[in-house]
Amino acid sequence: MQRRNDNESLALLAEQFGYESGLDLIVHYAMESVVPAICTSLDCEGEYSEELEPDCDGGFCNYCGQSSMVSCMVLAGVI
């Protein structure tokens, strides 16, 4: 599986959730128990996102069926 770049994934996720930047997204969700996560597989045509645990790295994608969901906190290197 080819994986999308972390910075690109974070930017897509921020856009999907209505934020101007990944930093704005991270600041808003800094103390939450669930945070936005995105499928990082290049094979996932839907760029699927949902809210998952902050430490999610390799969660199941309900769109493409791969273990490729990564939270914004992991993408940003916070966790």
PDB file of N, CA and C in Angstrom:
ATOM      1  N   MET A   1       0.840  -1.178   0.000  1.00  0.00           N
ATOM      2  CA  MET A   1       0.000   0.000   0.000  1.00  0.00           C
ATOM      3  C   MET A   1       0.887   1.243   0.000  1.00  0.00           C
ATOM      4  N   GLN A   2       0.619   2.141  -0.907  1.00  0.00           N
ATOM      5  CA  GLN A   2       1.318   3.415  -0.919  1.00  0.00           C
ATOM      6  C   GLN A   2       0.563   4.382  -0.027  1.00  0.00           C
ATOM      7  N   ARG A   3       1.329   5.160   0.732  1.00  0.00           N
ATOM      8  CA  ARG A   3       0.732   6.049   1.713  1.00  0.00           C
ATOM      9  C   ARG A   3       0.941   7.511   1.331  1.00  0.00           C
ATOM     10  N   ARG A   4      -0.083   8.315   1.528  1.00  0.00           N
ATOM     11  CA  ARG A   4      -0.015   9.751   1.273  1.00  0.00           C
ATOM     12  C   ARG A   4       0.903  10.406   2.301  1.00  0.00           C
ATOM     13  N   ASN A   5       1.601  11.438   1.899  1.00  0.00           N
ATOM     14  CA  ASN A   5       2.475  12.234   2.749  1.00  0.00           C
ATOM     15  C   ASN A   5       1.697  12.763   3.956  1.00  0.00           C
ATOM     16  N   ASP A   6       2.305  12.765   5.139  1.00  0.00           N
ATOM     17  CA  ASP A   6       1.633  13.216   6.365  1.00  0.00           C
ATOM     18  C   ASP A   6       1.174  14.673   6.275  1.00  0.00           C
ATOM     19  N   ASN A   7       2.007  15.548   5.737  1.00  0.00           N
ATOM     20  CA  ASN A   7       1.624  16.968   5.631  1.00  0.00           C
ATOM     21  C   ASN A   7       0.443  17.146   4.695  1.00  0.00           C
ATOM     22  N   GLU A   8       0.439  16.416   3.586  1.00  0.00           N
ATOM     23  CA  GLU A   8      -0.677  16.488   2.645  1.00  0.00           C
ATOM     24  C   GLU A   8      -1.955  15.947   3.286  1.00  0.00           C
ATOM     25  N   SER A   9      -1.832  14.847   4.015  1.00  0.00           N
ATOM     26  CA  SER A   9      -2.988  14.260   4.693  1.00  0.00           C
ATOM     27  C   SER A   9      -3.549  15.212   5.736  1.00  0.00           C
ATOM     28  N   LEU A  10      -2.678  15.872   6.487  1.00  0.00           N
ATOM     29  CA  LEU A  10      -3.120  16.826   7.510  1.00  0.00           C
ATOM     30  C   LEU A  10      -3.827  18.016   6.869  1.00  0.00           C
ATOM     31  N   ALA A  11      -3.308  18.496   5.755  1.00  0.00           N
ATOM     32  CA  ALA A  11      -3.939  19.618   5.045  1.00  0.00           C
ATOM     33  C   ALA A  11      -5.320  19.225   4.516  1.00  0.00           C
ATOM     34  N   LEU A  12      -5.443  18.022   3.957  1.00  0.00           N
ATOM     35  CA  LEU A  12      -6.741  17.539   3.475  1.00  0.00           C
ATOM     36  C   LEU A  12      -7.737  17.420   4.620  1.00  0.00           C
ATOM     37  N   LEU A  13      -7.276  16.896   5.731  1.00  0.00           N
ATOM     38  CA  LEU A  13      -8.127  16.721   6.903  1.00  0.00           C
ATOM     39  C   LEU A  13      -8.604  18.069   7.438  1.00  0.00           C
ATOM     40  N   ALA A  14      -7.700  19.028   7.520  1.00  0.00           N
ATOM     41  CA  ALA A  14      -8.076  20.366   7.985  1.00  0.00           C
ATOM     42  C   ALA A  14      -9.132  20.964   7.063  1.00  0.00           C
ATOM     43  N   GLU A  15      -8.943  20.814   5.769  1.00  0.00           N
ATOM     44  CA  GLU A  15      -9.913  21.335   4.804  1.00  0.00           C
ATOM     45  C   GLU A  15     -11.277  20.666   4.962  1.00  0.00           C
ATOM     46  N   GLN A  16     -11.278  19.347   5.130  1.00  0.00           N
ATOM     47  CA  GLN A  16     -12.531  18.614   5.287  1.00  0.00           C
ATOM     48  C   GLN A  16     -13.298  19.048   6.527  1.00  0.00           C
ATOM     49  N   PHE A  17     -12.589  19.397   7.589  1.00  0.00           N
ATOM     50  CA  PHE A  17     -13.232  19.783   8.843  1.00  0.00           C
ATOM     51  C   PHE A  17     -13.409  21.296   8.972  1.00  0.00           C
ATOM     52  N   GLY A  18     -13.086  22.035   7.904  1.00  0.00           N
ATOM     53  CA  GLY A  18     -13.361  23.471   7.862  1.00  0.00           C
ATOM     54  C   GLY A  18     -12.324  24.369   8.506  1.00  0.00           C
ATOM     55  N   TYR A  19     -11.081  23.921   8.591  1.00  0.00           N
ATOM     56  CA  TYR A  19     -10.015  24.733   9.175  1.00  0.00           C
ATOM     57  C   TYR A  19      -9.085  25.229   8.080  1.00  0.00           C
ATOM     58  N   GLU A  20      -8.468  26.390   8.313  1.00  0.00           N
ATOM     59  CA  GLU A  20      -7.569  26.970   7.321  1.00  0.00           C
ATOM     60  C   GLU A  20      -6.226  26.260   7.250  1.00  0.00           C
ATOM     61  N   SER A  21      -5.818  25.632   8.352  1.00  0.00           N
ATOM     62  CA  SER A  21      -4.525  24.942   8.371  1.00  0.00           C
ATOM     63  C   SER A  21      -4.576  23.757   9.333  1.00  0.00           C
ATOM     64  N   GLY A  22      -3.578  22.900   9.193  1.00  0.00           N
ATOM     65  CA  GLY A  22      -3.454  21.769  10.102  1.00  0.00           C
ATOM     66  C   GLY A  22      -3.215  22.221  11.527  1.00  0.00           C
ATOM     67  N   LEU A  23      -2.490  23.320  11.689  1.00  0.00           N
ATOM     68  CA  LEU A  23      -2.230  23.852  13.029  1.00  0.00           C
ATOM     69  C   LEU A  23      -3.519  24.281  13.710  1.00  0.00           C
ATOM     70  N   ASP A  24      -4.395  24.946  12.965  1.00  0.00           N
ATOM     71  CA  ASP A  24      -5.691  25.342  13.533  1.00  0.00           C
ATOM     72  C   ASP A  24      -6.481  24.125  13.995  1.00  0.00           C
ATOM     73  N   LEU A  25      -6.444  23.071  13.210  1.00  0.00           N
ATOM     74  CA  LEU A  25      -7.133  21.818  13.553  1.00  0.00           C
ATOM     75  C   LEU A  25      -6.554  21.216  14.833  1.00  0.00           C
ATOM     76  N   ILE A  26      -5.239  21.159  14.912  1.00  0.00           N
ATOM     77  CA  ILE A  26      -4.556  20.578  16.077  1.00  0.00           C
ATOM     78  C   ILE A  26      -4.877  21.376  17.344  1.00  0.00           C
ATOM     79  N   VAL A  27      -4.820  22.691  17.253  1.00  0.00           N
ATOM     80  CA  VAL A  27      -5.102  23.540  18.410  1.00  0.00           C
ATOM     81  C   VAL A  27      -6.530  23.325  18.900  1.00  0.00           C
ATOM     82  N   HIS A  28      -7.481  23.251  17.969  1.00  0.00           N
ATOM     83  CA  HIS A  28      -8.876  23.076  18.357  1.00  0.00           C
ATOM     84  C   HIS A  28      -9.110  21.729  19.060  1.00  0.00           C
ATOM     85  N   TYR A  29      -8.477  20.673  18.596  1.00  0.00           N
ATOM     86  CA  TYR A  29      -8.718  19.331  19.136  1.00  0.00           C
ATOM     87  C   TYR A  29      -7.677  18.882  20.165  1.00  0.00           C
ATOM     88  N   ALA A  30      -6.823  19.782  20.624  1.00  0.00           N
ATOM     89  CA  ALA A  30      -5.700  19.421  21.503  1.00  0.00           C
ATOM     90  C   ALA A  30      -6.092  18.629  22.746  1.00  0.00           C
ATOM     91  N   MET A  31      -7.235  18.912  23.341  1.00  0.00           N
ATOM     92  CA  MET A  31      -7.598  18.267  24.598  1.00  0.00           C
ATOM     93  C   MET A  31      -8.829  17.364  24.465  1.00  0.00           C
ATOM     94  N   GLU A  32      -9.159  16.963  23.260  1.00  0.00           N
ATOM     95  CA  GLU A  32     -10.349  16.146  23.023  1.00  0.00           C
ATOM     96  C   GLU A  32     -10.031  14.654  23.106  1.00  0.00           C
ATOM     97  N   SER A  33     -11.042  13.846  23.415  1.00  0.00           N
ATOM     98  CA  SER A  33     -10.855  12.398  23.511  1.00  0.00           C
ATOM     99  C   SER A  33     -10.993  11.702  22.159  1.00  0.00           C
ATOM    100  N   VAL A  34     -11.609  12.360  21.193  1.00  0.00           N
ATOM    101  CA  VAL A  34     -11.626  11.883  19.810  1.00  0.00           C
ATOM    102  C   VAL A  34     -11.255  13.057  18.912  1.00  0.00           C
ATOM    103  N   VAL A  35     -10.505  12.757  17.850  1.00  0.00           N
ATOM    104  CA  VAL A  35     -10.001  13.793  16.950  1.00  0.00           C
ATOM    105  C   VAL A  35     -10.197  13.342  15.503  1.00  0.00           C
ATOM    106  N   PRO A  36     -10.128  14.256  14.559  1.00  0.00           N
ATOM    107  CA  PRO A  36     -10.242  13.863  13.158  1.00  0.00           C
ATOM    108  C   PRO A  36      -9.093  12.940  12.734  1.00  0.00           C
ATOM    109  N   ALA A  37      -9.445  11.969  11.922  1.00  0.00           N
ATOM    110  CA  ALA A  37      -8.459  11.037  11.353  1.00  0.00           C
ATOM    111  C   ALA A  37      -8.812  10.853   9.882  1.00  0.00           C
ATOM    112  N   ILE A  38      -7.807  10.533   9.073  1.00  0.00           N
ATOM    113  CA  ILE A  38      -8.014  10.381   7.633  1.00  0.00           C
ATOM    114  C   ILE A  38      -7.314   9.127   7.135  1.00  0.00           C
ATOM    115  N   CYS A  39      -7.880   8.541   6.091  1.00  0.00           N
ATOM    116  CA  CYS A  39      -7.247   7.406   5.444  1.00  0.00           C
ATOM    117  C   CYS A  39      -6.057   7.921   4.645  1.00  0.00           C
ATOM    118  N   THR A  40      -4.891   7.355   4.870  1.00  0.00           N
ATOM    119  CA  THR A  40      -3.675   7.820   4.206  1.00  0.00           C
ATOM    120  C   THR A  40      -3.309   6.973   2.990  1.00  0.00           C
ATOM    121  N   SER A  41      -4.124   6.000   2.667  1.00  0.00           N
ATOM    122  CA  SER A  41      -3.845   5.147   1.506  1.00  0.00           C
ATOM    123  C   SER A  41      -4.130   5.903   0.215  1.00  0.00           C
ATOM    124  N   LEU A  42      -3.197   5.859  -0.718  1.00  0.00           N
ATOM    125  CA  LEU A  42      -3.418   6.484  -2.020  1.00  0.00           C
ATOM    126  C   LEU A  42      -4.471   5.727  -2.821  1.00  0.00           C
ATOM    127  N   ASP A  43      -4.748   4.480  -2.430  1.00  0.00           N
ATOM    128  CA  ASP A  43      -5.767   3.680  -3.100  1.00  0.00           C
ATOM    129  C   ASP A  43      -7.182   4.053  -2.661  1.00  0.00           C
ATOM    130  N   CYS A  44      -7.315   4.817  -1.591  1.00  0.00           N
ATOM    131  CA  CYS A  44      -8.628   5.204  -1.067  1.00  0.00           C
ATOM    132  C   CYS A  44      -9.108   6.431  -1.819  1.00  0.00           C
ATOM    133  N   GLU A  45      -9.971   6.227  -2.761  1.00  0.00           N
ATOM    134  CA  GLU A  45     -10.443   7.315  -3.617  1.00  0.00           C
ATOM    135  C   GLU A  45     -11.305   8.329  -2.866  1.00  0.00           C
ATOM    136  N   GLY A  46     -11.902   7.916  -1.770  1.00  0.00           N
ATOM    137  CA  GLY A  46     -12.814   8.798  -1.056  1.00  0.00           C
ATOM    138  C   GLY A  46     -12.161   9.748  -0.082  1.00  0.00           C
ATOM    139  N   GLU A  47     -10.846   9.627   0.153  1.00  0.00           N
ATOM    140  CA  GLU A  47     -10.170  10.420   1.185  1.00  0.00           C
ATOM    141  C   GLU A  47     -11.019  10.431   2.453  1.00  0.00           C
ATOM    142  N   TYR A  48     -11.400   9.245   2.887  1.00  0.00           N
ATOM    143  CA  TYR A  48     -12.315   9.023   4.002  1.00  0.00           C
ATOM    144  C   TYR A  48     -11.752   9.581   5.301  1.00  0.00           C
ATOM    145  N   SER A  49     -12.603  10.248   6.069  1.00  0.00           N
ATOM    146  CA  SER A  49     -12.200  10.749   7.377  1.00  0.00           C
ATOM    147  C   SER A  49     -13.328  10.515   8.375  1.00  0.00           C
ATOM    148  N   GLU A  50     -12.939  10.429   9.634  1.00  0.00           N
ATOM    149  CA  GLU A  50     -13.873  10.299  10.745  1.00  0.00           C
ATOM    150  C   GLU A  50     -13.138  10.682  12.016  1.00  0.00           C
ATOM    151  N   GLU A  51     -13.825  10.711  13.138  1.00  0.00           N
ATOM    152  CA  GLU A  51     -13.179  11.017  14.410  1.00  0.00           C
ATOM    153  C   GLU A  51     -12.820   9.719  15.122  1.00  0.00           C
ATOM    154  N   LEU A  52     -11.552   9.620  15.528  1.00  0.00           N
ATOM    155  CA  LEU A  52     -11.027   8.436  16.216  1.00  0.00           C
ATOM    156  C   LEU A  52     -10.169   8.882  17.394  1.00  0.00           C
ATOM    157  N   GLU A  53      -9.556   7.931  18.082  1.00  0.00           N
ATOM    158  CA  GLU A  53      -8.704   8.230  19.222  1.00  0.00           C
ATOM    159  C   GLU A  53      -7.478   9.022  18.762  1.00  0.00           C
ATOM    160  N   PRO A  54      -6.966   9.911  19.609  1.00  0.00           N
ATOM    161  CA  PRO A  54      -5.818  10.736  19.231  1.00  0.00           C
ATOM    162  C   PRO A  54      -4.573   9.946  18.826  1.00  0.00           C
ATOM    163  N   ASP A  55      -4.373   8.747  19.382  1.00  0.00           N
ATOM    164  CA  ASP A  55      -3.172   7.965  19.069  1.00  0.00           C
ATOM    165  C   ASP A  55      -3.373   6.965  17.926  1.00  0.00           C
ATOM    166  N   CYS A  56      -4.450   7.103  17.171  1.00  0.00           N
ATOM    167  CA  CYS A  56      -4.746   6.166  16.087  1.00  0.00           C
ATOM    168  C   CYS A  56      -3.688   6.253  14.982  1.00  0.00           C
ATOM    169  N   ASP A  57      -3.078   5.126  14.696  1.00  0.00           N
ATOM    170  CA  ASP A  57      -2.090   5.020  13.622  1.00  0.00           C
ATOM    171  C   ASP A  57      -2.244   3.637  13.000  1.00  0.00           C
ATOM    172  N   GLY A  58      -2.995   3.548  11.935  1.00  0.00           N
ATOM    173  CA  GLY A  58      -3.242   2.259  11.298  1.00  0.00           C
ATOM    174  C   GLY A  58      -4.618   1.710  11.617  1.00  0.00           C
ATOM    175  N   GLY A  59      -5.583   2.585  11.883  1.00  0.00           N
ATOM    176  CA  GLY A  59      -6.954   2.161  12.138  1.00  0.00           C
ATOM    177  C   GLY A  59      -7.642   1.717  10.854  1.00  0.00           C
ATOM    178  N   PHE A  60      -8.736   0.997  10.991  1.00  0.00           N
ATOM    179  CA  PHE A  60      -9.468   0.447   9.851  1.00  0.00           C
ATOM    180  C   PHE A  60     -10.252   1.534   9.124  1.00  0.00           C
ATOM    181  N   CYS A  61     -10.097   1.594   7.800  1.00  0.00           N
ATOM    182  CA  CYS A  61     -10.839   2.543   6.972  1.00  0.00           C
ATOM    183  C   CYS A  61     -12.120   1.874   6.493  1.00  0.00           C
ATOM    184  N   ASN A  62     -13.253   2.461   6.841  1.00  0.00           N
ATOM    185  CA  ASN A  62     -14.544   1.914   6.432  1.00  0.00           C
ATOM    186  C   ASN A  62     -14.823   2.100   4.948  1.00  0.00           C
ATOM    187  N   TYR A  63     -14.052   2.921   4.261  1.00  0.00           N
ATOM    188  CA  TYR A  63     -14.270   3.184   2.836  1.00  0.00           C
ATOM    189  C   TYR A  63     -13.509   2.187   1.964  1.00  0.00           C
ATOM    190  N   CYS A  64     -12.200   2.023   2.217  1.00  0.00           N
ATOM    191  CA  CYS A  64     -11.386   1.147   1.362  1.00  0.00           C
ATOM    192  C   CYS A  64     -11.043  -0.195   2.003  1.00  0.00           C
ATOM    193  N   GLY A  65     -11.288  -0.337   3.310  1.00  0.00           N
ATOM    194  CA  GLY A  65     -11.063  -1.603   3.986  1.00  0.00           C
ATOM    195  C   GLY A  65      -9.624  -1.869   4.398  1.00  0.00           C
ATOM    196  N   GLN A  66      -8.760  -0.881   4.332  1.00  0.00           N
ATOM    197  CA  GLN A  66      -7.364  -1.063   4.726  1.00  0.00           C
ATOM    198  C   GLN A  66      -7.134  -0.491   6.127  1.00  0.00           C
ATOM    199  N   SER A  67      -6.066  -0.907   6.733  1.00  0.00           N
ATOM    200  CA  SER A  67      -5.678  -0.382   8.051  1.00  0.00           C
ATOM    201  C   SER A  67      -4.794   0.838   7.832  1.00  0.00           C
ATOM    202  N   SER A  68      -5.416   1.938   7.439  1.00  0.00           N
ATOM    203  CA  SER A  68      -4.653   3.110   7.007  1.00  0.00           C
ATOM    204  C   SER A  68      -5.169   4.431   7.571  1.00  0.00           C
ATOM    205  N   MET A  69      -6.010   4.362   8.600  1.00  0.00           N
ATOM    206  CA  MET A  69      -6.512   5.589   9.226  1.00  0.00           C
ATOM    207  C   MET A  69      -5.466   6.117  10.218  1.00  0.00           C
ATOM    208  N   VAL A  70      -5.195   7.427  10.129  1.00  0.00           N
ATOM    209  CA  VAL A  70      -4.218   8.062  11.010  1.00  0.00           C
ATOM    210  C   VAL A  70      -4.829   9.355  11.539  1.00  0.00           C
ATOM    211  N   SER A  71      -4.701   9.572  12.848  1.00  0.00           N
ATOM    212  CA  SER A  71      -5.287  10.772  13.457  1.00  0.00           C
ATOM    213  C   SER A  71      -4.459  12.007  13.137  1.00  0.00           C
ATOM    214  N   CYS A  72      -5.101  13.162  13.273  1.00  0.00           N
ATOM    215  CA  CYS A  72      -4.407  14.430  13.030  1.00  0.00           C
ATOM    216  C   CYS A  72      -3.246  14.617  13.998  1.00  0.00           C
ATOM    217  N   MET A  73      -3.374  14.107  15.225  1.00  0.00           N
ATOM    218  CA  MET A  73      -2.307  14.248  16.213  1.00  0.00           C
ATOM    219  C   MET A  73      -1.058  13.465  15.821  1.00  0.00           C
ATOM    220  N   VAL A  74      -1.266  12.277  15.254  1.00  0.00           N
ATOM    221  CA  VAL A  74      -0.136  11.462  14.797  1.00  0.00           C
ATOM    222  C   VAL A  74       0.449  12.091  13.536  1.00  0.00           C
ATOM    223  N   LEU A  75      -0.389  12.548  12.617  1.00  0.00           N
ATOM    224  CA  LEU A  75       0.097  13.188  11.390  1.00  0.00           C
ATOM    225  C   LEU A  75       0.961  14.409  11.698  1.00  0.00           C
ATOM    226  N   ALA A  76       0.580  15.177  12.722  1.00  0.00           N
ATOM    227  CA  ALA A  76       1.304  16.392  13.091  1.00  0.00           C
ATOM    228  C   ALA A  76       2.521  16.095  13.965  1.00  0.00           C
ATOM    229  N   GLY A  77       2.684  14.858  14.404  1.00  0.00           N
ATOM    230  CA  GLY A  77       3.818  14.506  15.252  1.00  0.00           C
ATOM    231  C   GLY A  77       3.634  14.881  16.706  1.00  0.00           C
ATOM    232  N   VAL A  78       2.393  15.181  17.108  1.00  0.00           N
ATOM    233  CA  VAL A  78       2.120  15.522  18.507  1.00  0.00           C
ATOM    234  C   VAL A  78       2.193  14.271  19.363  1.00  0.00           C
ATOM    235  N   ILE A  79       1.741  13.165  18.807  1.00  0.00           N
ATOM    236  CA  ILE A  79       1.782  11.873  19.513  1.00  0.00           C
ATOM    237  C   ILE A  79       2.675  10.931  18.730  1.00  0.00           C
TER     238      ILE A  79
END
